Amino acid sequence: MAHDCSIPVFQDGTYGFDARGIAKRFRHAAIFGALDALQPGETMRFCNDHDPIPLLAQINQFFGDRVAIQYVQREPGEIVIDFRIQG
């Protein structure tokens, strides 16, 4: 089942972030800025066309345990990951 990444805010307060529409040279800065703007308990649902394994390592290095990472969908061309800020 494909996830609809066009929804900006879900009913549970999860904020959508579709990386596919952001120029590659700005992507990491935009993602880190969005994560930094979240409050404890909030979630950013990240959508991408590839599995961002190097980015996940950078997020772990920078934020540590402050950000929980959970795959929602992990299929070729359809990657959806929830980043939840811990309280």
PDB file of N, CA and C in Angstrom:
ATOM      1  N   MET A   1       0.841  -1.179   0.000  1.00  0.00           N
ATOM      2  CA  MET A   1       0.000   0.000   0.000  1.00  0.00           C
ATOM      3  C   MET A   1       0.889   1.246   0.000  1.00  0.00           C
ATOM      4  N   ALA A   2       0.726   2.100  -0.973  1.00  0.00           N
ATOM      5  CA  ALA A   2       1.530   3.313  -1.086  1.00  0.00           C
ATOM      6  C   ALA A   2       1.056   4.356  -0.086  1.00  0.00           C
ATOM      7  N   HIS A   3       1.983   5.084   0.428  1.00  0.00           N
ATOM      8  CA  HIS A   3       1.698   6.151   1.378  1.00  0.00           C
ATOM      9  C   HIS A   3       1.542   7.461   0.608  1.00  0.00           C
ATOM     10  N   ASP A   4       0.595   8.312   0.999  1.00  0.00           N
ATOM     11  CA  ASP A   4       0.365   9.590   0.331  1.00  0.00           C
ATOM     12  C   ASP A   4       1.207  10.670   0.992  1.00  0.00           C
ATOM     13  N   CYS A   5       2.332  11.009   0.369  1.00  0.00           N
ATOM     14  CA  CYS A   5       3.258  11.990   0.926  1.00  0.00           C
ATOM     15  C   CYS A   5       2.838  13.432   0.643  1.00  0.00           C
ATOM     16  N   SER A   6       1.724  13.618  -0.037  1.00  0.00           N
ATOM     17  CA  SER A   6       1.285  14.975  -0.359  1.00  0.00           C
ATOM     18  C   SER A   6       0.522  15.631   0.791  1.00  0.00           C
ATOM     19  N   ILE A   7       0.220  14.884   1.838  1.00  0.00           N
ATOM     20  CA  ILE A   7      -0.516  15.428   2.982  1.00  0.00           C
ATOM     21  C   ILE A   7       0.477  16.149   3.895  1.00  0.00           C
ATOM     22  N   PRO A   8       0.315  17.492   4.098  1.00  0.00           N
ATOM     23  CA  PRO A   8       1.318  18.238   4.886  1.00  0.00           C
ATOM     24  C   PRO A   8       1.281  17.960   6.383  1.00  0.00           C
ATOM     25  N   VAL A   9       0.075  17.801   6.962  1.00  0.00           N
ATOM     26  CA  VAL A   9      -0.039  17.513   8.396  1.00  0.00           C
ATOM     27  C   VAL A   9      -1.124  16.457   8.573  1.00  0.00           C
ATOM     28  N   PHE A  10      -0.785  15.395   9.275  1.00  0.00           N
ATOM     29  CA  PHE A  10      -1.728  14.320   9.505  1.00  0.00           C
ATOM     30  C   PHE A  10      -2.537  14.611  10.764  1.00  0.00           C
ATOM     31  N   GLN A  11      -3.650  13.918  10.923  1.00  0.00           N
ATOM     32  CA  GLN A  11      -4.544  14.180  12.052  1.00  0.00           C
ATOM     33  C   GLN A  11      -3.856  14.020  13.405  1.00  0.00           C
ATOM     34  N   ASP A  12      -2.868  13.165  13.474  1.00  0.00           N
ATOM     35  CA  ASP A  12      -2.189  12.941  14.757  1.00  0.00           C
ATOM     36  C   ASP A  12      -1.069  13.948  15.025  1.00  0.00           C
ATOM     37  N   GLY A  13      -0.939  14.976  14.178  1.00  0.00           N
ATOM     38  CA  GLY A  13       0.085  15.989  14.381  1.00  0.00           C
ATOM     39  C   GLY A  13       1.420  15.659  13.748  1.00  0.00           C
ATOM     40  N   THR A  14       1.455  14.620  12.942  1.00  0.00           N
ATOM     41  CA  THR A  14       2.669  14.266  12.215  1.00  0.00           C
ATOM     42  C   THR A  14       2.796  15.206  11.016  1.00  0.00           C
ATOM     43  N   TYR A  15       3.977  15.773  10.838  1.00  0.00           N
ATOM     44  CA  TYR A  15       4.223  16.720   9.761  1.00  0.00           C
ATOM     45  C   TYR A  15       4.895  16.021   8.588  1.00  0.00           C
ATOM     46  N   GLY A  16       4.341  16.205   7.415  1.00  0.00           N
ATOM     47  CA  GLY A  16       4.906  15.595   6.223  1.00  0.00           C
ATOM     48  C   GLY A  16       6.102  16.373   5.694  1.00  0.00           C
ATOM     49  N   PHE A  17       7.078  15.655   5.179  1.00  0.00           N
ATOM     50  CA  PHE A  17       8.259  16.262   4.563  1.00  0.00           C
ATOM     51  C   PHE A  17       8.608  15.421   3.340  1.00  0.00           C
ATOM     52  N   ASP A  18       8.304  15.931   2.155  1.00  0.00           N
ATOM     53  CA  ASP A  18       8.575  15.211   0.917  1.00  0.00           C
ATOM     54  C   ASP A  18       9.878  15.722   0.322  1.00  0.00           C
ATOM     55  N   ALA A  19      10.946  14.963   0.518  1.00  0.00           N
ATOM     56  CA  ALA A  19      12.279  15.379   0.074  1.00  0.00           C
ATOM     57  C   ALA A  19      12.421  15.369  -1.439  1.00  0.00           C
ATOM     58  N   ARG A  20      11.548  14.676  -2.126  1.00  0.00           N
ATOM     59  CA  ARG A  20      11.665  14.553  -3.576  1.00  0.00           C
ATOM     60  C   ARG A  20      11.483  15.886  -4.287  1.00  0.00           C
ATOM     61  N   GLY A  21      10.817  16.843  -3.661  1.00  0.00           N
ATOM     62  CA  GLY A  21      10.585  18.134  -4.296  1.00  0.00           C
ATOM     63  C   GLY A  21      11.624  19.189  -3.954  1.00  0.00           C
ATOM     64  N   ILE A  22      12.672  18.805  -3.246  1.00  0.00           N
ATOM     65  CA  ILE A  22      13.694  19.758  -2.814  1.00  0.00           C
ATOM     66  C   ILE A  22      14.985  19.491  -3.599  1.00  0.00           C
ATOM     67  N   ALA A  23      15.590  20.545  -4.102  1.00  0.00           N
ATOM     68  CA  ALA A  23      16.841  20.404  -4.854  1.00  0.00           C
ATOM     69  C   ALA A  23      17.873  19.677  -3.999  1.00  0.00           C
ATOM     70  N   LYS A  24      18.611  18.777  -4.611  1.00  0.00           N
ATOM     71  CA  LYS A  24      19.569  17.942  -3.873  1.00  0.00           C
ATOM     72  C   LYS A  24      20.557  18.752  -3.055  1.00  0.00           C
ATOM     73  N   ARG A  25      21.001  19.879  -3.565  1.00  0.00           N
ATOM     74  CA  ARG A  25      22.005  20.662  -2.835  1.00  0.00           C
ATOM     75  C   ARG A  25      21.461  21.287  -1.561  1.00  0.00           C
ATOM     76  N   PHE A  26      20.132  21.386  -1.430  1.00  0.00           N
ATOM     77  CA  PHE A  26      19.510  21.974  -0.238  1.00  0.00           C
ATOM     78  C   PHE A  26      18.879  20.932   0.680  1.00  0.00           C
ATOM     79  N   ARG A  27      18.816  19.690   0.229  1.00  0.00           N
ATOM     80  CA  ARG A  27      18.037  18.667   0.930  1.00  0.00           C
ATOM     81  C   ARG A  27      18.464  18.445   2.376  1.00  0.00           C
ATOM     82  N   HIS A  28      19.732  18.196   2.610  1.00  0.00           N
ATOM     83  CA  HIS A  28      20.169  17.882   3.978  1.00  0.00           C
ATOM     84  C   HIS A  28      19.952  19.065   4.912  1.00  0.00           C
ATOM     85  N   ALA A  29      20.241  20.272   4.449  1.00  0.00           N
ATOM     86  CA  ALA A  29      20.019  21.454   5.286  1.00  0.00           C
ATOM     87  C   ALA A  29      18.537  21.600   5.622  1.00  0.00           C
ATOM     88  N   ALA A  30      17.670  21.352   4.651  1.00  0.00           N
ATOM     89  CA  ALA A  30      16.229  21.460   4.886  1.00  0.00           C
ATOM     90  C   ALA A  30      15.754  20.405   5.878  1.00  0.00           C
ATOM     91  N   ILE A  31      16.259  19.194   5.752  1.00  0.00           N
ATOM     92  CA  ILE A  31      15.869  18.109   6.651  1.00  0.00           C
ATOM     93  C   ILE A  31      16.329  18.397   8.076  1.00  0.00           C
ATOM     94  N   PHE A  32      17.583  18.808   8.244  1.00  0.00           N
ATOM     95  CA  PHE A  32      18.090  19.110   9.581  1.00  0.00           C
ATOM     96  C   PHE A  32      17.356  20.298  10.189  1.00  0.00           C
ATOM     97  N   GLY A  33      17.035  21.303   9.371  1.00  0.00           N
ATOM     98  CA  GLY A  33      16.268  22.446   9.858  1.00  0.00           C
ATOM     99  C   GLY A  33      14.879  22.048  10.314  1.00  0.00           C
ATOM    100  N   ALA A  34      14.239  21.187   9.546  1.00  0.00           N
ATOM    101  CA  ALA A  34      12.893  20.718   9.909  1.00  0.00           C
ATOM    102  C   ALA A  34      12.933  19.906  11.197  1.00  0.00           C
ATOM    103  N   LEU A  35      13.907  19.016  11.332  1.00  0.00           N
ATOM    104  CA  LEU A  35      14.022  18.228  12.560  1.00  0.00           C
ATOM    105  C   LEU A  35      14.296  19.126  13.765  1.00  0.00           C
ATOM    106  N   ASP A  36      15.125  20.116  13.581  1.00  0.00           N
ATOM    107  CA  ASP A  36      15.461  21.033  14.672  1.00  0.00           C
ATOM    108  C   ASP A  36      14.250  21.861  15.105  1.00  0.00           C
ATOM    109  N   ALA A  37      13.298  22.071  14.207  1.00  0.00           N
ATOM    110  CA  ALA A  37      12.112  22.870  14.521  1.00  0.00           C
ATOM    111  C   ALA A  37      11.037  22.086  15.274  1.00  0.00           C
ATOM    112  N   LEU A  38      11.141  20.765  15.279  1.00  0.00           N
ATOM    113  CA  LEU A  38      10.128  19.950  15.951  1.00  0.00           C
ATOM    114  C   LEU A  38      10.270  20.027  17.464  1.00  0.00           C
ATOM    115  N   GLN A  39       9.141  19.929  18.134  1.00  0.00           N
ATOM    116  CA  GLN A  39       9.083  19.904  19.594  1.00  0.00           C
ATOM    117  C   GLN A  39       9.029  18.449  20.070  1.00  0.00           C
ATOM    118  N   PRO A  40       9.403  18.179  21.323  1.00  0.00           N
ATOM    119  CA  PRO A  40       9.301  16.815  21.849  1.00  0.00           C
ATOM    120  C   PRO A  40       7.889  16.254  21.664  1.00  0.00           C
ATOM    121  N   GLY A  41       7.837  15.026  21.177  1.00  0.00           N
ATOM    122  CA  GLY A  41       6.564  14.357  20.929  1.00  0.00           C
ATOM    123  C   GLY A  41       6.062  14.523  19.501  1.00  0.00           C
ATOM    124  N   GLU A  42       6.631  15.458  18.740  1.00  0.00           N
ATOM    125  CA  GLU A  42       6.205  15.665  17.365  1.00  0.00           C
ATOM    126  C   GLU A  42       6.981  14.737  16.427  1.00  0.00           C
ATOM    127  N   THR A  43       6.371  14.472  15.273  1.00  0.00           N
ATOM    128  CA  THR A  43       6.942  13.555  14.295  1.00  0.00           C
ATOM    129  C   THR A  43       6.979  14.202  12.925  1.00  0.00           C
ATOM    130  N   MET A  44       8.062  13.960  12.205  1.00  0.00           N
ATOM    131  CA  MET A  44       8.162  14.355  10.802  1.00  0.00           C
ATOM    132  C   MET A  44       8.136  13.086   9.974  1.00  0.00           C
ATOM    133  N   ARG A  45       7.165  12.985   9.057  1.00  0.00           N
ATOM    134  CA  ARG A  45       7.083  11.840   8.148  1.00  0.00           C
ATOM    135  C   ARG A  45       7.817  12.199   6.866  1.00  0.00           C
ATOM    136  N   PHE A  46       8.939  11.564   6.654  1.00  0.00           N
ATOM    137  CA  PHE A  46       9.875  11.842   5.568  1.00  0.00           C
ATOM    138  C   PHE A  46       9.611  10.898   4.398  1.00  0.00           C
ATOM    139  N   CYS A  47       9.459  11.457   3.199  1.00  0.00           N
ATOM    140  CA  CYS A  47       9.252  10.662   1.992  1.00  0.00           C
ATOM    141  C   CYS A  47      10.395  10.899   1.024  1.00  0.00           C
ATOM    142  N   ASN A  48      10.889   9.814   0.422  1.00  0.00           N
ATOM    143  CA  ASN A  48      12.006   9.928  -0.499  1.00  0.00           C
ATOM    144  C   ASN A  48      11.928   8.813  -1.536  1.00  0.00           C
ATOM    145  N   ASP A  49      12.691   8.959  -2.611  1.00  0.00           N
ATOM    146  CA  ASP A  49      12.691   7.954  -3.666  1.00  0.00           C
ATOM    147  C   ASP A  49      13.786   6.908  -3.482  1.00  0.00           C
ATOM    148  N   HIS A  50      14.646   7.098  -2.483  1.00  0.00           N
ATOM    149  CA  HIS A  50      15.689   6.115  -2.188  1.00  0.00           C
ATOM    150  C   HIS A  50      15.911   6.048  -0.685  1.00  0.00           C
ATOM    151  N   ASP A  51      16.505   4.960  -0.237  1.00  0.00           N
ATOM    152  CA  ASP A  51      16.775   4.761   1.182  1.00  0.00           C
ATOM    153  C   ASP A  51      17.972   5.622   1.579  1.00  0.00           C
ATOM    154  N   PRO A  52      17.778   6.618   2.450  1.00  0.00           N
ATOM    155  CA  PRO A  52      18.843   7.581   2.771  1.00  0.00           C
ATOM    156  C   PRO A  52      19.752   7.115   3.909  1.00  0.00           C
ATOM    157  N   ILE A  53      20.384   5.990   3.739  1.00  0.00           N
ATOM    158  CA  ILE A  53      21.199   5.401   4.811  1.00  0.00           C
ATOM    159  C   ILE A  53      22.298   6.351   5.299  1.00  0.00           C
ATOM    160  N   PRO A  54      23.056   7.043   4.426  1.00  0.00           N
ATOM    161  CA  PRO A  54      24.054   7.998   4.935  1.00  0.00           C
ATOM    162  C   PRO A  54      23.418   9.143   5.733  1.00  0.00           C
ATOM    163  N   LEU A  55      22.258   9.611   5.291  1.00  0.00           N
ATOM    164  CA  LEU A  55      21.549  10.669   6.016  1.00  0.00           C
ATOM    165  C   LEU A  55      21.140  10.186   7.404  1.00  0.00           C
ATOM    166  N   LEU A  56      20.649   8.958   7.507  1.00  0.00           N
ATOM    167  CA  LEU A  56      20.249   8.415   8.809  1.00  0.00           C
ATOM    168  C   LEU A  56      21.441   8.369   9.765  1.00  0.00           C
ATOM    169  N   ALA A  57      22.606   8.015   9.246  1.00  0.00           N
ATOM    170  CA  ALA A  57      23.815   8.005  10.078  1.00  0.00           C
ATOM    171  C   ALA A  57      24.148   9.419  10.550  1.00  0.00           C
ATOM    172  N   GLN A  58      24.012  10.406   9.666  1.00  0.00           N
ATOM    173  CA  GLN A  58      24.273  11.802  10.046  1.00  0.00           C
ATOM    174  C   GLN A  58      23.280  12.276  11.102  1.00  0.00           C
ATOM    175  N   ILE A  59      22.019  11.908  10.945  1.00  0.00           N
ATOM    176  CA  ILE A  59      20.993  12.295  11.923  1.00  0.00           C
ATOM    177  C   ILE A  59      21.309  11.663  13.271  1.00  0.00           C
ATOM    178  N   ASN A  60      21.667  10.388  13.277  1.00  0.00           N
ATOM    179  CA  ASN A  60      22.046   9.719  14.532  1.00  0.00           C
ATOM    180  C   ASN A  60      23.240  10.385  15.180  1.00  0.00           C
ATOM    181  N   GLN A  61      24.224  10.764  14.382  1.00  0.00           N
ATOM    182  CA  GLN A  61      25.423  11.403  14.918  1.00  0.00           C
ATOM    183  C   GLN A  61      25.099  12.769  15.506  1.00  0.00           C
ATOM    184  N   PHE A  62      24.265  13.541  14.827  1.00  0.00           N
ATOM    185  CA  PHE A  62      23.965  14.908  15.259  1.00  0.00           C
ATOM    186  C   PHE A  62      22.953  14.958  16.405  1.00  0.00           C
ATOM    187  N   PHE A  63      21.858  14.196  16.291  1.00  0.00           N
ATOM    188  CA  PHE A  63      20.773  14.265  17.273  1.00  0.00           C
ATOM    189  C   PHE A  63      20.847  13.176  18.335  1.00  0.00           C
ATOM    190  N   GLY A  64      21.542  12.093  18.062  1.00  0.00           N
ATOM    191  CA  GLY A  64      21.626  10.997  19.023  1.00  0.00           C
ATOM    192  C   GLY A  64      20.259  10.410  19.323  1.00  0.00           C
ATOM    193  N   ASP A  65      20.022  10.107  20.598  1.00  0.00           N
ATOM    194  CA  ASP A  65      18.765   9.491  21.018  1.00  0.00           C
ATOM    195  C   ASP A  65      17.581  10.459  21.005  1.00  0.00           C
ATOM    196  N   ARG A  66      17.840  11.718  20.709  1.00  0.00           N
ATOM    197  CA  ARG A  66      16.764  12.713  20.692  1.00  0.00           C
ATOM    198  C   ARG A  66      15.770  12.451  19.555  1.00  0.00           C
ATOM    199  N   VAL A  67      16.214  11.776  18.489  1.00  0.00           N
ATOM    200  CA  VAL A  67      15.345  11.471  17.356  1.00  0.00           C
ATOM    201  C   VAL A  67      15.214   9.960  17.206  1.00  0.00           C
ATOM    202  N   ALA A  68      13.973   9.467  17.289  1.00  0.00           N
ATOM    203  CA  ALA A  68      13.694   8.052  17.024  1.00  0.00           C
ATOM    204  C   ALA A  68      13.363   7.914  15.543  1.00  0.00           C
ATOM    205  N   ILE A  69      13.927   6.900  14.913  1.00  0.00           N
ATOM    206  CA  ILE A  69      13.750   6.681  13.482  1.00  0.00           C
ATOM    207  C   ILE A  69      13.007   5.369  13.274  1.00  0.00           C
ATOM    208  N   GLN A  70      11.893   5.438  12.496  1.00  0.00           N
ATOM    209  CA  GLN A  70      11.114   4.232  12.222  1.00  0.00           C
ATOM    210  C   GLN A  70      10.636   4.244  10.777  1.00  0.00           C
ATOM    211  N   TYR A  71      10.953   3.184  10.063  1.00  0.00           N
ATOM    212  CA  TYR A  71      10.464   3.048   8.691  1.00  0.00           C
ATOM    213  C   TYR A  71       8.959   2.774   8.711  1.00  0.00           C
ATOM    214  N   VAL A  72       8.219   3.499   7.880  1.00  0.00           N
ATOM    215  CA  VAL A  72       6.792   3.265   7.676  1.00  0.00           C
ATOM    216  C   VAL A  72       6.614   2.425   6.414  1.00  0.00           C
ATOM    217  N   GLN A  73       7.430   2.709   5.419  1.00  0.00           N
ATOM    218  CA  GLN A  73       7.408   1.985   4.140  1.00  0.00           C
ATOM    219  C   GLN A  73       8.827   1.929   3.605  1.00  0.00           C
ATOM    220  N   ARG A  74       9.231   0.768   3.155  1.00  0.00           N
ATOM    221  CA  ARG A  74      10.609   0.595   2.664  1.00  0.00           C
ATOM    222  C   ARG A  74      10.597  -0.300   1.425  1.00  0.00           C
ATOM    223  N   GLU A  75      10.173   0.303   0.328  1.00  0.00           N
ATOM    224  CA  GLU A  75      10.118  -0.387  -0.951  1.00  0.00           C
ATOM    225  C   GLU A  75      10.936   0.419  -1.957  1.00  0.00           C
ATOM    226  N   PRO A  76      11.500  -0.235  -2.958  1.00  0.00           N
ATOM    227  CA  PRO A  76      12.285   0.506  -3.967  1.00  0.00           C
ATOM    228  C   PRO A  76      11.469   1.665  -4.557  1.00  0.00           C
ATOM    229  N   GLY A  77      12.028   2.862  -4.486  1.00  0.00           N
ATOM    230  CA  GLY A  77      11.375   4.051  -5.018  1.00  0.00           C
ATOM    231  C   GLY A  77      10.336   4.670  -4.106  1.00  0.00           C
ATOM    232  N   GLU A  78      10.007   4.009  -3.013  1.00  0.00           N
ATOM    233  CA  GLU A  78       8.986   4.501  -2.074  1.00  0.00           C
ATOM    234  C   GLU A  78       9.471   4.307  -0.636  1.00  0.00           C
ATOM    235  N   ILE A  79      10.197   5.280  -0.131  1.00  0.00           N
ATOM    236  CA  ILE A  79      10.712   5.213   1.239  1.00  0.00           C
ATOM    237  C   ILE A  79       9.968   6.233   2.093  1.00  0.00           C
ATOM    238  N   VAL A  80       9.406   5.774   3.197  1.00  0.00           N
ATOM    239  CA  VAL A  80       8.719   6.647   4.135  1.00  0.00           C
ATOM    240  C   VAL A  80       9.269   6.336   5.528  1.00  0.00           C
ATOM    241  N   ILE A  81       9.753   7.378   6.204  1.00  0.00           N
ATOM    242  CA  ILE A  81      10.367   7.212   7.526  1.00  0.00           C
ATOM    243  C   ILE A  81       9.772   8.234   8.476  1.00  0.00           C
ATOM    244  N   ASP A  82       9.410   7.795   9.679  1.00  0.00           N
ATOM    245  CA  ASP A  82       8.989   8.715  10.725  1.00  0.00           C
ATOM    246  C   ASP A  82      10.193   9.064  11.602  1.00  0.00           C
ATOM    247  N   PHE A  83      10.404  10.363  11.790  1.00  0.00           N
ATOM    248  CA  PHE A  83      11.403  10.874  12.722  1.00  0.00           C
ATOM    249  C   PHE A  83      10.631  11.505  13.879  1.00  0.00           C
ATOM    250  N   ARG A  84      10.722  10.902  15.058  1.00  0.00           N
ATOM    251  CA  ARG A  84       9.988  11.400  16.227  1.00  0.00           C
ATOM    252  C   ARG A  84      10.971  11.989  17.232  1.00  0.00           C
ATOM    253  N   ILE A  85      10.660  13.203  17.670  1.00  0.00           N
ATOM    254  CA  ILE A  85      11.499  13.873  18.667  1.00  0.00           C
ATOM    255  C   ILE A  85      11.107  13.352  20.049  1.00  0.00           C
ATOM    256  N   GLN A  86      12.093  12.845  20.757  1.00  0.00           N
ATOM    257  CA  GLN A  86      11.867  12.299  22.097  1.00  0.00           C
ATOM    258  C   GLN A  86      11.760  13.408  23.133  1.00  0.00           C
ATOM    259  N   GLY A  87      10.948  13.185  24.125  1.00  0.00           N
ATOM    260  CA  GLY A  87      10.707  14.194  25.155  1.00  0.00           C
ATOM    261  C   GLY A  87      11.631  14.155  26.292  1.00  0.00           C
TER     262      GLY A  87
END
